[in-house]
Structures are given as structure tokens and as C-alpha cells.
């Protein structure tokens, strides 16, 4: 999620600082920042709250579309 990493860096926070603010492990945040990773919604929400950024800004448009397509295929 490029948007997540960009938002964290724009706030000037390290992984450790964001982990402390969210109560998440730094490794979970680092994993969420990697492209093509499935991330729990609760993780993205916690990060968004800590950064003061809407969740939709943390998720790239292409990733949203790709996840929607995967969900649609599973339901079929």
C-alpha cells in the first residue's frame, strides 16, 4: 500500500512510532506497506486513525479494484 507508507512518511513517523501510536507491531505495519499484501481492514483503520488520514487515502485505486475483483470471484 503505497498510500500508507507515503502518509506515514509525510507525518514524519518511523515504523516504531506509528506502531506505538496504533498498538500494532511494527512488523505488521511494514508488511501492510508492501505492495500486493492482503491487510486486515482493522489494521488499515487503526493506522488511518493514528495518522489522521481517511482510510480511502491509504489504499491505492488499483489495489481497491483488484481486491474487489478477487472478492467477486470468490463469491461466484
PDB file of N, CA and C in Angstrom:
ATOM      1  N   UNK A   1       0.843  -1.177   0.000  1.00  0.00           N
ATOM      2  CA  UNK A   1       0.000   0.000   0.000  1.00  0.00           C
ATOM      3  C   UNK A   1       0.882   1.232   0.000  1.00  0.00           C
ATOM      4  N   UNK A   2       1.119   1.726  -1.154  1.00  0.00           N
ATOM      5  CA  UNK A   2       1.984   2.900  -1.267  1.00  0.00           C
ATOM      6  C   UNK A   2       1.420   4.094  -0.514  1.00  0.00           C
ATOM      7  N   UNK A   3       0.116   4.219  -0.499  1.00  0.00           N
ATOM      8  CA  UNK A   3      -0.516   5.338   0.189  1.00  0.00           C
ATOM      9  C   UNK A   3      -0.231   5.322   1.674  1.00  0.00           C
ATOM     10  N   UNK A   4      -0.177   4.152   2.256  1.00  0.00           N
ATOM     11  CA  UNK A   4       0.088   4.020   3.676  1.00  0.00           C
ATOM     12  C   UNK A   4       1.501   4.489   4.013  1.00  0.00           C
ATOM     13  N   UNK A   5       2.458   4.010   3.274  1.00  0.00           N
ATOM     14  CA  UNK A   5       3.851   4.397   3.532  1.00  0.00           C
ATOM     15  C   UNK A   5       4.044   5.894   3.296  1.00  0.00           C
ATOM     16  N   UNK A   6       3.434   6.399   2.238  1.00  0.00           N
ATOM     17  CA  UNK A   6       3.533   7.825   1.927  1.00  0.00           C
ATOM     18  C   UNK A   6       2.945   8.666   3.064  1.00  0.00           C
ATOM     19  N   UNK A   7       1.793   8.266   3.569  1.00  0.00           N
ATOM     20  CA  UNK A   7       1.139   9.012   4.652  1.00  0.00           C
ATOM     21  C   UNK A   7       1.986   8.992   5.916  1.00  0.00           C
ATOM     22  N   UNK A   8       2.565   7.837   6.228  1.00  0.00           N
ATOM     23  CA  UNK A   8       3.418   7.736   7.426  1.00  0.00           C
ATOM     24  C   UNK A   8       4.629   8.644   7.308  1.00  0.00           C
ATOM     25  N   UNK A   9       5.271   8.594   6.153  1.00  0.00           N
ATOM     26  CA  UNK A   9       6.467   9.424   5.950  1.00  0.00           C
ATOM     27  C   UNK A   9       6.116  10.917   5.924  1.00  0.00           C
ATOM     28  N   UNK A  10       4.952  11.248   5.370  1.00  0.00           N
ATOM     29  CA  UNK A  10       4.522  12.652   5.323  1.00  0.00           C
ATOM     30  C   UNK A  10       4.323  13.209   6.731  1.00  0.00           C
ATOM     31  N   UNK A  11       3.944  12.350   7.661  1.00  0.00           N
ATOM     32  CA  UNK A  11       3.778  12.764   9.066  1.00  0.00           C
ATOM     33  C   UNK A  11       5.101  12.718   9.824  1.00  0.00           C
ATOM     34  N   UNK A  12       6.146  12.225   9.153  1.00  0.00           N
ATOM     35  CA  UNK A  12       7.469  12.170   9.778  1.00  0.00           C
ATOM     36  C   UNK A  12       7.597  11.103  10.851  1.00  0.00           C
ATOM     37  N   UNK A  13       6.831  10.019  10.708  1.00  0.00           N
ATOM     38  CA  UNK A  13       6.856   8.963  11.711  1.00  0.00           C
ATOM     39  C   UNK A  13       7.662   7.756  11.234  1.00  0.00           C
ATOM     40  N   UNK A  14       8.359   7.153  12.161  1.00  0.00           N
ATOM     41  CA  UNK A  14       9.039   5.892  11.872  1.00  0.00           C
ATOM     42  C   UNK A  14       8.034   4.763  12.062  1.00  0.00           C
ATOM     43  N   UNK A  15       8.416   3.568  11.630  1.00  0.00           N
ATOM     44  CA  UNK A  15       7.556   2.404  11.859  1.00  0.00           C
ATOM     45  C   UNK A  15       7.314   2.209  13.357  1.00  0.00           C
ATOM     46  N   UNK A  16       8.356   2.368  14.153  1.00  0.00           N
ATOM     47  CA  UNK A  16       8.235   2.177  15.601  1.00  0.00           C
ATOM     48  C   UNK A  16       7.287   3.203  16.220  1.00  0.00           C
ATOM     49  N   UNK A  17       7.371   4.442  15.775  1.00  0.00           N
ATOM     50  CA  UNK A  17       6.487   5.482  16.312  1.00  0.00           C
ATOM     51  C   UNK A  17       5.031   5.224  15.950  1.00  0.00           C
ATOM     52  N   UNK A  18       4.796   4.815  14.706  1.00  0.00           N
ATOM     53  CA  UNK A  18       3.433   4.516  14.288  1.00  0.00           C
ATOM     54  C   UNK A  18       2.913   3.269  15.007  1.00  0.00           C
ATOM     55  N   UNK A  19       3.784   2.305  15.217  1.00  0.00           N
ATOM     56  CA  UNK A  19       3.390   1.104  15.951  1.00  0.00           C
ATOM     57  C   UNK A  19       2.936   1.464  17.359  1.00  0.00           C
ATOM     58  N   UNK A  20       3.680   2.327  18.002  1.00  0.00           N
ATOM     59  CA  UNK A  20       3.321   2.749  19.361  1.00  0.00           C
ATOM     60  C   UNK A  20       1.984   3.488  19.363  1.00  0.00           C
ATOM     61  N   UNK A  21       1.760   4.337  18.364  1.00  0.00           N
ATOM     62  CA  UNK A  21       0.518   5.119  18.287  1.00  0.00           C
ATOM     63  C   UNK A  21      -0.702   4.251  17.992  1.00  0.00           C
ATOM     64  N   UNK A  22      -0.501   3.136  17.293  1.00  0.00           N
ATOM     65  CA  UNK A  22      -1.622   2.284  16.902  1.00  0.00           C
ATOM     66  C   UNK A  22      -1.822   1.086  17.820  1.00  0.00           C
ATOM     67  N   UNK A  23      -0.775   0.707  18.534  1.00  0.00           N
ATOM     68  CA  UNK A  23      -0.838  -0.507  19.336  1.00  0.00           C
ATOM     69  C   UNK A  23      -0.555  -1.755  18.509  1.00  0.00           C
ATOM     70  N   UNK A  24      -0.167  -1.549  17.258  1.00  0.00           N
ATOM     71  CA  UNK A  24       0.183  -2.653  16.367  1.00  0.00           C
ATOM     72  C   UNK A  24       1.684  -2.907  16.436  1.00  0.00           C
ATOM     73  N   UNK A  25       2.100  -4.056  15.978  1.00  0.00           N
ATOM     74  CA  UNK A  25       3.525  -4.377  15.912  1.00  0.00           C
ATOM     75  C   UNK A  25       4.115  -3.698  14.671  1.00  0.00           C
ATOM     76  N   UNK A  26       5.335  -3.204  14.771  1.00  0.00           N
ATOM     77  CA  UNK A  26       5.995  -2.540  13.644  1.00  0.00           C
ATOM     78  C   UNK A  26       6.077  -3.454  12.426  1.00  0.00           C
ATOM     79  N   UNK A  27       6.249  -4.757  12.657  1.00  0.00           N
ATOM     80  CA  UNK A  27       6.315  -5.701  11.533  1.00  0.00           C
ATOM     81  C   UNK A  27       4.982  -5.763  10.783  1.00  0.00           C
ATOM     82  N   UNK A  28       3.881  -5.641  11.499  1.00  0.00           N
ATOM     83  CA  UNK A  28       2.564  -5.658  10.853  1.00  0.00           C
ATOM     84  C   UNK A  28       2.391  -4.423   9.970  1.00  0.00           C
ATOM     85  N   UNK A  29       2.877  -3.298  10.440  1.00  0.00           N
ATOM     86  CA  UNK A  29       2.784  -2.066   9.652  1.00  0.00           C
ATOM     87  C   UNK A  29       3.691  -2.153   8.429  1.00  0.00           C
ATOM     88  N   UNK A  30       4.899  -2.643   8.619  1.00  0.00           N
ATOM     89  CA  UNK A  30       5.831  -2.788   7.498  1.00  0.00           C
ATOM     90  C   UNK A  30       5.254  -3.721   6.440  1.00  0.00           C
ATOM     91  N   UNK A  31       4.634  -4.803   6.878  1.00  0.00           N
ATOM     92  CA  UNK A  31       4.015  -5.756   5.953  1.00  0.00           C
ATOM     93  C   UNK A  31       2.861  -5.088   5.201  1.00  0.00           C
ATOM     94  N   UNK A  32       2.083  -4.283   5.900  1.00  0.00           N
ATOM     95  CA  UNK A  32       0.950  -3.582   5.272  1.00  0.00           C
ATOM     96  C   UNK A  32       1.417  -2.576   4.227  1.00  0.00           C
ATOM     97  N   UNK A  33       2.607  -2.040   4.404  1.00  0.00           N
ATOM     98  CA  UNK A  33       3.136  -1.051   3.458  1.00  0.00           C
ATOM     99  C   UNK A  33       3.643  -1.678   2.168  1.00  0.00           C
ATOM    100  N   UNK A  34       3.880  -2.972   2.182  1.00  0.00           N
ATOM    101  CA  UNK A  34       4.394  -3.634   0.987  1.00  0.00           C
ATOM    102  C   UNK A  34       3.301  -3.776  -0.070  1.00  0.00           C
ATOM    103  N   UNK A  35       3.693  -3.654  -1.334  1.00  0.00           N
ATOM    104  CA  UNK A  35       2.711  -3.827  -2.409  1.00  0.00           C
ATOM    105  C   UNK A  35       2.144  -5.247  -2.424  1.00  0.00           C
ATOM    106  N   UNK A  36       0.910  -5.343  -2.847  1.00  0.00           N
ATOM    107  CA  UNK A  36       0.235  -6.633  -3.075  1.00  0.00           C
ATOM    108  C   UNK A  36       0.044  -7.470  -1.817  1.00  0.00           C
ATOM    109  N   UNK A  37      -0.006  -6.840  -0.666  1.00  0.00           N
ATOM    110  CA  UNK A  37      -0.239  -7.578   0.572  1.00  0.00           C
ATOM    111  C   UNK A  37      -1.706  -7.470   0.961  1.00  0.00           C
ATOM    112  N   UNK A  38      -2.272  -8.572   1.423  1.00  0.00           N
ATOM    113  CA  UNK A  38      -3.614  -8.532   1.982  1.00  0.00           C
ATOM    114  C   UNK A  38      -3.475  -8.058   3.420  1.00  0.00           C
ATOM    115  N   UNK A  39      -4.187  -7.002   3.727  1.00  0.00           N
ATOM    116  CA  UNK A  39      -4.082  -6.383   5.038  1.00  0.00           C
ATOM    117  C   UNK A  39      -5.474  -6.348   5.656  1.00  0.00           C
ATOM    118  N   UNK A  40      -5.543  -6.619   6.931  1.00  0.00           N
ATOM    119  CA  UNK A  40      -6.822  -6.559   7.628  1.00  0.00           C
ATOM    120  C   UNK A  40      -7.344  -5.127   7.619  1.00  0.00           C
ATOM    121  N   UNK A  41      -8.635  -5.024   7.469  1.00  0.00           N
ATOM    122  CA  UNK A  41      -9.271  -3.709   7.481  1.00  0.00           C
ATOM    123  C   UNK A  41      -9.011  -3.030   8.822  1.00  0.00           C
ATOM    124  N   UNK A  42      -9.059  -3.786   9.897  1.00  0.00           N
ATOM    125  CA  UNK A  42      -8.830  -3.203  11.223  1.00  0.00           C
ATOM    126  C   UNK A  42      -7.436  -2.587  11.338  1.00  0.00           C
ATOM    127  N   UNK A  43      -6.456  -3.181  10.648  1.00  0.00           N
ATOM    128  CA  UNK A  43      -5.094  -2.634  10.654  1.00  0.00           C
ATOM    129  C   UNK A  43      -5.060  -1.299   9.927  1.00  0.00           C
ATOM    130  N   UNK A  44      -5.692  -1.244   8.769  1.00  0.00           N
ATOM    131  CA  UNK A  44      -5.706  -0.006   7.990  1.00  0.00           C
ATOM    132  C   UNK A  44      -6.475   1.085   8.738  1.00  0.00           C
ATOM    133  N   UNK A  45      -7.569   0.720   9.387  1.00  0.00           N
ATOM    134  CA  UNK A  45      -8.360   1.690  10.150  1.00  0.00           C
ATOM    135  C   UNK A  45      -7.532   2.243  11.306  1.00  0.00           C
ATOM    136  N   UNK A  46      -6.839   1.375  12.032  1.00  0.00           N
ATOM    137  CA  UNK A  46      -6.008   1.825  13.157  1.00  0.00           C
ATOM    138  C   UNK A  46      -4.913   2.775  12.678  1.00  0.00           C
ATOM    139  N   UNK A  47      -4.294   2.448  11.561  1.00  0.00           N
ATOM    140  CA  UNK A  47      -3.233   3.298  11.016  1.00  0.00           C
ATOM    141  C   UNK A  47      -3.814   4.630  10.561  1.00  0.00           C
ATOM    142  N   UNK A  48      -4.941   4.584   9.881  1.00  0.00           N
ATOM    143  CA  UNK A  48      -5.587   5.812   9.429  1.00  0.00           C
ATOM    144  C   UNK A  48      -5.920   6.738  10.585  1.00  0.00           C
ATOM    145  N   UNK A  49      -6.455   6.170  11.644  1.00  0.00           N
ATOM    146  CA  UNK A  49      -6.792   6.977  12.835  1.00  0.00           C
ATOM    147  C   UNK A  49      -5.544   7.606  13.441  1.00  0.00           C
ATOM    148  N   UNK A  50      -4.503   6.808  13.574  1.00  0.00           N
ATOM    149  CA  UNK A  50      -3.266   7.319  14.180  1.00  0.00           C
ATOM    150  C   UNK A  50      -2.639   8.429  13.342  1.00  0.00           C
ATOM    151  N   UNK A  51      -2.778   8.317  12.018  1.00  0.00           N
ATOM    152  CA  UNK A  51      -2.206   9.328  11.125  1.00  0.00           C
ATOM    153  C   UNK A  51      -3.160  10.496  10.870  1.00  0.00           C
ATOM    154  N   UNK A  52      -4.424  10.315  11.249  1.00  0.00           N
ATOM    155  CA  UNK A  52      -5.414  11.358  10.967  1.00  0.00           C
ATOM    156  C   UNK A  52      -5.729  11.452   9.490  1.00  0.00           C
ATOM    157  N   UNK A  53      -5.733  10.292   8.822  1.00  0.00           N
ATOM    158  CA  UNK A  53      -5.929  10.220   7.380  1.00  0.00           C
ATOM    159  C   UNK A  53      -7.095   9.275   7.092  1.00  0.00           C
ATOM    160  N   UNK A  54      -8.009   9.651   6.192  1.00  0.00           N
ATOM    161  CA  UNK A  54      -9.086   8.718   5.834  1.00  0.00           C
ATOM    162  C   UNK A  54      -8.525   7.444   5.212  1.00  0.00           C
ATOM    163  N   UNK A  55      -9.144   6.335   5.533  1.00  0.00           N
ATOM    164  CA  UNK A  55      -8.687   5.034   5.048  1.00  0.00           C
ATOM    165  C   UNK A  55      -8.597   5.010   3.533  1.00  0.00           C
ATOM    166  N   UNK A  56      -9.555   5.642   2.855  1.00  0.00           N
ATOM    167  CA  UNK A  56      -9.543   5.610   1.390  1.00  0.00           C
ATOM    168  C   UNK A  56      -8.287   6.245   0.805  1.00  0.00           C
ATOM    169  N   UNK A  57      -7.642   7.132   1.535  1.00  0.00           N
ATOM    170  CA  UNK A  57      -6.405   7.734   1.052  1.00  0.00           C
ATOM    171  C   UNK A  57      -5.201   6.809   1.223  1.00  0.00           C
ATOM    172  N   UNK A  58      -5.352   5.802   2.051  1.00  0.00           N
ATOM    173  CA  UNK A  58      -4.242   4.877   2.303  1.00  0.00           C
ATOM    174  C   UNK A  58      -4.191   3.748   1.295  1.00  0.00           C
ATOM    175  N   UNK A  59      -5.292   3.537   0.590  1.00  0.00           N
ATOM    176  CA  UNK A  59      -5.387   2.423  -0.340  1.00  0.00           C
ATOM    177  C   UNK A  59      -5.351   2.953  -1.763  1.00  0.00           C
ATOM    178  N   UNK A  60      -4.440   2.433  -2.558  1.00  0.00           N
ATOM    179  CA  UNK A  60      -4.337   2.834  -3.961  1.00  0.00           C
ATOM    180  C   UNK A  60      -5.579   2.389  -4.717  1.00  0.00           C
ATOM    181  N   UNK A  61      -5.989   3.163  -5.693  1.00  0.00           N
ATOM    182  CA  UNK A  61      -7.165   2.831  -6.502  1.00  0.00           C
ATOM    183  C   UNK A  61      -7.021   1.460  -7.161  1.00  0.00           C
ATOM    184  N   UNK A  62      -5.860   1.150  -7.686  1.00  0.00           N
ATOM    185  CA  UNK A  62      -5.632  -0.140  -8.320  1.00  0.00           C
ATOM    186  C   UNK A  62      -5.788  -1.286  -7.339  1.00  0.00           C
ATOM    187  N   UNK A  63      -5.327  -1.105  -6.112  1.00  0.00           N
ATOM    188  CA  UNK A  63      -5.463  -2.137  -5.094  1.00  0.00           C
ATOM    189  C   UNK A  63      -6.924  -2.332  -4.722  1.00  0.00           C
ATOM    190  N   UNK A  64      -7.673  -1.237  -4.619  1.00  0.00           N
ATOM    191  CA  UNK A  64      -9.096  -1.360  -4.290  1.00  0.00           C
ATOM    192  C   UNK A  64      -9.803  -2.165  -5.362  1.00  0.00           C
ATOM    193  N   UNK A  65      -9.517  -1.865  -6.626  1.00  0.00           N
ATOM    194  CA  UNK A  65     -10.159  -2.563  -7.730  1.00  0.00           C
ATOM    195  C   UNK A  65      -9.766  -4.044  -7.729  1.00  0.00           C
ATOM    196  N   UNK A  66      -8.501  -4.312  -7.516  1.00  0.00           N
ATOM    197  CA  UNK A  66      -8.004  -5.687  -7.516  1.00  0.00           C
ATOM    198  C   UNK A  66      -8.641  -6.496  -6.395  1.00  0.00           C
ATOM    199  N   UNK A  67      -8.747  -5.929  -5.209  1.00  0.00           N
ATOM    200  CA  UNK A  67      -9.365  -6.640  -4.086  1.00  0.00           C
ATOM    201  C   UNK A  67     -10.836  -6.907  -4.362  1.00  0.00           C
ATOM    202  N   UNK A  68     -11.517  -5.929  -4.953  1.00  0.00           N
ATOM    203  CA  UNK A  68     -12.922  -6.102  -5.297  1.00  0.00           C
ATOM    204  C   UNK A  68     -13.082  -7.257  -6.285  1.00  0.00           C
ATOM    205  N   UNK A  69     -12.206  -7.319  -7.279  1.00  0.00           N
ATOM    206  CA  UNK A  69     -12.267  -8.393  -8.265  1.00  0.00           C
ATOM    207  C   UNK A  69     -12.048  -9.757  -7.620  1.00  0.00           C
ATOM    208  N   UNK A  70     -11.098  -9.863  -6.694  1.00  0.00           N
ATOM    209  CA  UNK A  70     -10.846 -11.136  -6.022  1.00  0.00           C
ATOM    210  C   UNK A  70     -12.054 -11.571  -5.209  1.00  0.00           C
ATOM    211  N   UNK A  71     -12.665 -10.606  -4.478  1.00  0.00           N
ATOM    212  CA  UNK A  71     -13.843 -10.928  -3.690  1.00  0.00           C
ATOM    213  C   UNK A  71     -14.988 -11.390  -4.575  1.00  0.00           C
ATOM    214  N   UNK A  72     -15.169 -10.722  -5.708  1.00  0.00           N
ATOM    215  CA  UNK A  72     -16.243 -11.077  -6.630  1.00  0.00           C
ATOM    216  C   UNK A  72     -16.051 -12.490  -7.171  1.00  0.00           C
ATOM    217  N   UNK A  73     -14.817 -12.857  -7.483  1.00  0.00           N
ATOM    218  CA  UNK A  73     -14.537 -14.205  -7.981  1.00  0.00           C
ATOM    219  C   UNK A  73     -14.805 -15.258  -6.911  1.00  0.00           C
ATOM    220  N   UNK A  74     -14.475 -14.952  -5.659  1.00  0.00           N
ATOM    221  CA  UNK A  74     -14.705 -15.909  -4.577  1.00  0.00           C
ATOM    222  C   UNK A  74     -16.195 -16.158  -4.355  1.00  0.00           C
ATOM    223  N   UNK A  75     -16.985 -15.118  -4.511  1.00  0.00           N
ATOM    224  CA  UNK A  75     -18.431 -15.233  -4.285  1.00  0.00           C
ATOM    225  C   UNK A  75     -19.123 -16.039  -5.378  1.00  0.00           C
ATOM    226  N   UNK A  76     -18.540 -16.053  -6.555  1.00  0.00           N
ATOM    227  CA  UNK A  76     -19.166 -16.748  -7.698  1.00  0.00           C
ATOM    228  C   UNK A  76     -19.069 -18.249  -7.581  1.00  0.00           C
TER     229      UNK A  76
END
